Amino acid sequence: STNATKYNGGAPAAKVAFFDVGITGAWSLDVPDDLNEGLFPHAHAAGARIHTASWGARRSDGAYTINAMEVDTFAHEHPDHLILFAAGNYGDSGSRTIISPGTAKNLVTVGASAKAFNAEYPRPYNCT
């Protein structure tokens, strides 16, 4: 085998679709009003079958919100599409640690076992 095929990795035909929901010059996001119409279908149409996002409600106290319902609806209607969301930045909040839409039932919510910043990994902005 040639070097070109020898080092193709585990998914040589994989593609990446990136959708920016940030607002230029701001620390906030412009998340579509309806994730089923404004976000997930575009990723699905681009060929993505794994969707990961690291944003969520500021503090939803573990509530099942409309965004969580939209995730569940899309996941139910597209069983070939896996959605992952970050659990949030409130690891010390007990049962309210997970923020929406990570509270949806048909996704994988990803969290960490520790919440610490140090000199090696400084805070990107004033987060608590």
C-alpha atoms as a PDB file:
ATOM      1  CA  SER A   1       0.000   0.000   0.000  1.00  0.00           C
ATOM      2  CA  THR A   2       1.120   3.534  -0.647  1.00  0.00           C
ATOM      3  CA  ASN A   3       1.523   6.196   2.037  1.00  0.00           C
ATOM      4  CA  ALA A   4      -1.635   7.879   0.710  1.00  0.00           C
ATOM      5  CA  THR A   5      -3.783   4.866   1.606  1.00  0.00           C
ATOM      6  CA  LYS A   6      -1.686   3.573   4.504  1.00  0.00           C
ATOM      7  CA  TYR A   7      -2.432   6.629   6.699  1.00  0.00           C
ATOM      8  CA  ASN A   8      -6.060   7.395   5.827  1.00  0.00           C
ATOM      9  CA  GLY A   9      -7.266   6.874   9.390  1.00  0.00           C
ATOM     10  CA  GLY A  10     -10.367   5.084  10.610  1.00  0.00           C
ATOM     11  CA  ALA A  11     -12.891   7.130   8.627  1.00  0.00           C
ATOM     12  CA  PRO A  12     -11.284   8.199   5.347  1.00  0.00           C
ATOM     13  CA  ALA A  13     -14.601   9.205   3.775  1.00  0.00           C
ATOM     14  CA  ALA A  14     -15.741  11.261   6.785  1.00  0.00           C
ATOM     15  CA  LYS A  15     -16.840  14.854   6.271  1.00  0.00           C
ATOM     16  CA  VAL A  16     -17.306  17.757   8.674  1.00  0.00           C
ATOM     17  CA  ALA A  17     -20.173  20.241   8.551  1.00  0.00           C
ATOM     18  CA  PHE A  18     -19.727  23.347  10.721  1.00  0.00           C
ATOM     19  CA  PHE A  19     -22.509  25.746  11.634  1.00  0.00           C
ATOM     20  CA  ASP A  20     -21.616  28.981  13.416  1.00  0.00           C
ATOM     21  CA  VAL A  21     -24.320  30.324  15.746  1.00  0.00           C
ATOM     22  CA  GLY A  22     -22.040  32.962  17.254  1.00  0.00           C
ATOM     23  CA  ILE A  23     -22.539  36.696  16.959  1.00  0.00           C
ATOM     24  CA  THR A  24     -19.477  38.530  15.672  1.00  0.00           C
ATOM     25  CA  GLY A  25     -17.828  40.551  18.417  1.00  0.00           C
ATOM     26  CA  ALA A  26     -20.156  39.275  21.159  1.00  0.00           C
ATOM     27  CA  TRP A  27     -20.056  36.572  23.835  1.00  0.00           C
ATOM     28  CA  SER A  28     -23.561  35.466  22.957  1.00  0.00           C
ATOM     29  CA  LEU A  29     -25.119  33.127  20.425  1.00  0.00           C
ATOM     30  CA  ASP A  30     -27.899  33.423  17.901  1.00  0.00           C
ATOM     31  CA  VAL A  31     -29.517  30.018  18.294  1.00  0.00           C
ATOM     32  CA  PRO A  32     -32.405  29.357  15.880  1.00  0.00           C
ATOM     33  CA  ASP A  33     -35.877  29.694  17.396  1.00  0.00           C
ATOM     34  CA  ASP A  34     -36.712  26.153  16.296  1.00  0.00           C
ATOM     35  CA  LEU A  35     -33.856  23.655  16.206  1.00  0.00           C
ATOM     36  CA  ASN A  36     -35.961  21.337  14.031  1.00  0.00           C
ATOM     37  CA  GLU A  37     -36.155  23.935  11.282  1.00  0.00           C
ATOM     38  CA  GLY A  38     -33.138  26.178  11.761  1.00  0.00           C
ATOM     39  CA  LEU A  39     -30.288  23.861  12.747  1.00  0.00           C
ATOM     40  CA  PHE A  40     -30.598  20.078  12.647  1.00  0.00           C
ATOM     41  CA  PRO A  41     -32.085  19.723   9.133  1.00  0.00           C
ATOM     42  CA  HIS A  42     -29.196  21.701   7.622  1.00  0.00           C
ATOM     43  CA  ALA A  43     -26.621  19.447   9.265  1.00  0.00           C
ATOM     44  CA  HIS A  44     -28.574  16.360   8.206  1.00  0.00           C
ATOM     45  CA  ALA A  45     -28.849  17.623   4.619  1.00  0.00           C
ATOM     46  CA  ALA A  46     -25.081  18.242   4.594  1.00  0.00           C
ATOM     47  CA  GLY A  47     -24.633  14.549   5.356  1.00  0.00           C
ATOM     48  CA  ALA A  48     -23.892  14.815   9.085  1.00  0.00           C
ATOM     49  CA  ARG A  49     -25.184  11.969  11.212  1.00  0.00           C
ATOM     50  CA  ILE A  50     -23.429  12.983  14.421  1.00  0.00           C
ATOM     51  CA  HIS A  51     -24.158  16.460  15.744  1.00  0.00           C
ATOM     52  CA  THR A  52     -22.373  17.912  18.748  1.00  0.00           C
ATOM     53  CA  ALA A  53     -22.999  21.233  20.438  1.00  0.00           C
ATOM     54  CA  SER A  54     -21.475  22.902  23.475  1.00  0.00           C
ATOM     55  CA  TRP A  55     -24.103  25.518  24.204  1.00  0.00           C
ATOM     56  CA  GLY A  56     -27.251  25.581  26.249  1.00  0.00           C
ATOM     57  CA  ALA A  57     -29.488  27.605  28.490  1.00  0.00           C
ATOM     58  CA  ARG A  58     -27.701  29.810  31.023  1.00  0.00           C
ATOM     59  CA  ARG A  59     -29.450  28.151  33.937  1.00  0.00           C
ATOM     60  CA  SER A  60     -32.370  25.889  33.253  1.00  0.00           C
ATOM     61  CA  ASP A  61     -32.163  24.113  36.623  1.00  0.00           C
ATOM     62  CA  GLY A  62     -32.491  20.729  34.945  1.00  0.00           C
ATOM     63  CA  ALA A  63     -35.776  21.672  33.273  1.00  0.00           C
ATOM     64  CA  TYR A  64     -37.134  19.996  30.157  1.00  0.00           C
ATOM     65  CA  THR A  65     -37.521  23.005  27.848  1.00  0.00           C
ATOM     66  CA  ILE A  66     -38.789  23.617  24.328  1.00  0.00           C
ATOM     67  CA  ASN A  67     -35.216  23.211  23.007  1.00  0.00           C
ATOM     68  CA  ALA A  68     -35.019  19.802  24.699  1.00  0.00           C
ATOM     69  CA  MET A  69     -38.358  18.853  23.128  1.00  0.00           C
ATOM     70  CA  GLU A  70     -37.074  19.939  19.698  1.00  0.00           C
ATOM     71  CA  VAL A  71     -34.003  17.714  20.127  1.00  0.00           C
ATOM     72  CA  ASP A  72     -36.221  14.773  21.082  1.00  0.00           C
ATOM     73  CA  THR A  73     -38.527  15.379  18.130  1.00  0.00           C
ATOM     74  CA  PHE A  74     -35.684  15.529  15.618  1.00  0.00           C
ATOM     75  CA  ALA A  75     -33.967  12.474  17.095  1.00  0.00           C
ATOM     76  CA  HIS A  76     -37.228  10.511  16.979  1.00  0.00           C
ATOM     77  CA  GLU A  77     -37.856  11.487  13.353  1.00  0.00           C
ATOM     78  CA  HIS A  78     -34.222  10.828  12.324  1.00  0.00           C
ATOM     79  CA  PRO A  79     -33.048   7.643  14.091  1.00  0.00           C
ATOM     80  CA  ASP A  80     -29.855   7.669  11.999  1.00  0.00           C
ATOM     81  CA  HIS A  81     -28.795  11.004  13.550  1.00  0.00           C
ATOM     82  CA  LEU A  82     -26.954  11.079  16.908  1.00  0.00           C
ATOM     83  CA  ILE A  83     -27.092  14.358  18.849  1.00  0.00           C
ATOM     84  CA  LEU A  84     -24.666  15.212  21.666  1.00  0.00           C
ATOM     85  CA  PHE A  85     -24.874  18.257  23.940  1.00  0.00           C
ATOM     86  CA  ALA A  86     -22.654  19.567  26.698  1.00  0.00           C
ATOM     87  CA  ALA A  87     -24.084  19.111  30.186  1.00  0.00           C
ATOM     88  CA  GLY A  88     -23.231  22.687  31.156  1.00  0.00           C
ATOM     89  CA  ASN A  89     -20.879  24.555  33.455  1.00  0.00           C
ATOM     90  CA  TYR A  90     -22.747  24.080  36.716  1.00  0.00           C
ATOM     91  CA  GLY A  91     -21.212  20.878  38.053  1.00  0.00           C
ATOM     92  CA  ASP A  92     -21.847  21.859  41.647  1.00  0.00           C
ATOM     93  CA  SER A  93     -25.614  22.256  41.264  1.00  0.00           C
ATOM     94  CA  GLY A  94     -26.690  18.727  42.170  1.00  0.00           C
ATOM     95  CA  SER A  95     -29.739  17.587  40.211  1.00  0.00           C
ATOM     96  CA  ARG A  96     -29.813  20.948  38.410  1.00  0.00           C
ATOM     97  CA  THR A  97     -26.326  20.464  36.948  1.00  0.00           C
ATOM     98  CA  ILE A  98     -27.509  19.539  33.450  1.00  0.00           C
ATOM     99  CA  ILE A  99     -28.825  22.430  31.391  1.00  0.00           C
ATOM    100  CA  SER A 100     -31.231  22.359  28.476  1.00  0.00           C
ATOM    101  CA  PRO A 101     -31.160  21.053  25.785  1.00  0.00           C
ATOM    102  CA  GLY A 102     -28.959  18.460  27.488  1.00  0.00           C
ATOM    103  CA  THR A 103     -32.091  17.497  29.443  1.00  0.00           C
ATOM    104  CA  ALA A 104     -33.613  15.925  26.329  1.00  0.00           C
ATOM    105  CA  LYS A 105     -34.194  12.178  26.443  1.00  0.00           C
ATOM    106  CA  ASN A 106     -33.007  11.139  22.967  1.00  0.00           C
ATOM    107  CA  LEU A 107     -29.460  12.469  22.963  1.00  0.00           C
ATOM    108  CA  VAL A 108     -26.144  11.929  24.669  1.00  0.00           C
ATOM    109  CA  THR A 109     -25.314  14.566  27.284  1.00  0.00           C
ATOM    110  CA  VAL A 110     -21.583  14.904  27.875  1.00  0.00           C
ATOM    111  CA  GLY A 111     -20.125  16.236  31.117  1.00  0.00           C
ATOM    112  CA  ALA A 112     -16.937  16.235  33.106  1.00  0.00           C
ATOM    113  CA  SER A 113     -16.200  15.011  36.592  1.00  0.00           C
ATOM    114  CA  ALA A 114     -14.468  18.218  37.662  1.00  0.00           C
ATOM    115  CA  LYS A 115     -14.881  21.939  37.149  1.00  0.00           C
ATOM    116  CA  ALA A 116     -11.577  23.665  37.614  1.00  0.00           C
ATOM    117  CA  PHE A 117      -9.587  26.362  35.920  1.00  0.00           C
ATOM    118  CA  ASN A 118      -5.932  26.982  36.648  1.00  0.00           C
ATOM    119  CA  ALA A 119      -2.985  28.932  35.285  1.00  0.00           C
ATOM    120  CA  GLU A 120      -2.397  26.324  32.596  1.00  0.00           C
ATOM    121  CA  TYR A 121      -6.007  26.613  31.392  1.00  0.00           C
ATOM    122  CA  PRO A 122      -7.091  30.186  32.184  1.00  0.00           C
ATOM    123  CA  ARG A 123     -10.727  31.230  32.111  1.00  0.00           C
ATOM    124  CA  PRO A 124     -11.672  32.358  28.598  1.00  0.00           C
ATOM    125  CA  TYR A 125     -13.944  35.013  30.094  1.00  0.00           C
ATOM    126  CA  ASN A 126     -15.701  35.639  33.370  1.00  0.00           C
ATOM    127  CA  CYS A 127     -17.375  32.276  33.818  1.00  0.00           C
ATOM    128  CA  THR A 128     -18.450  30.682  37.068  1.00  0.00           C
END
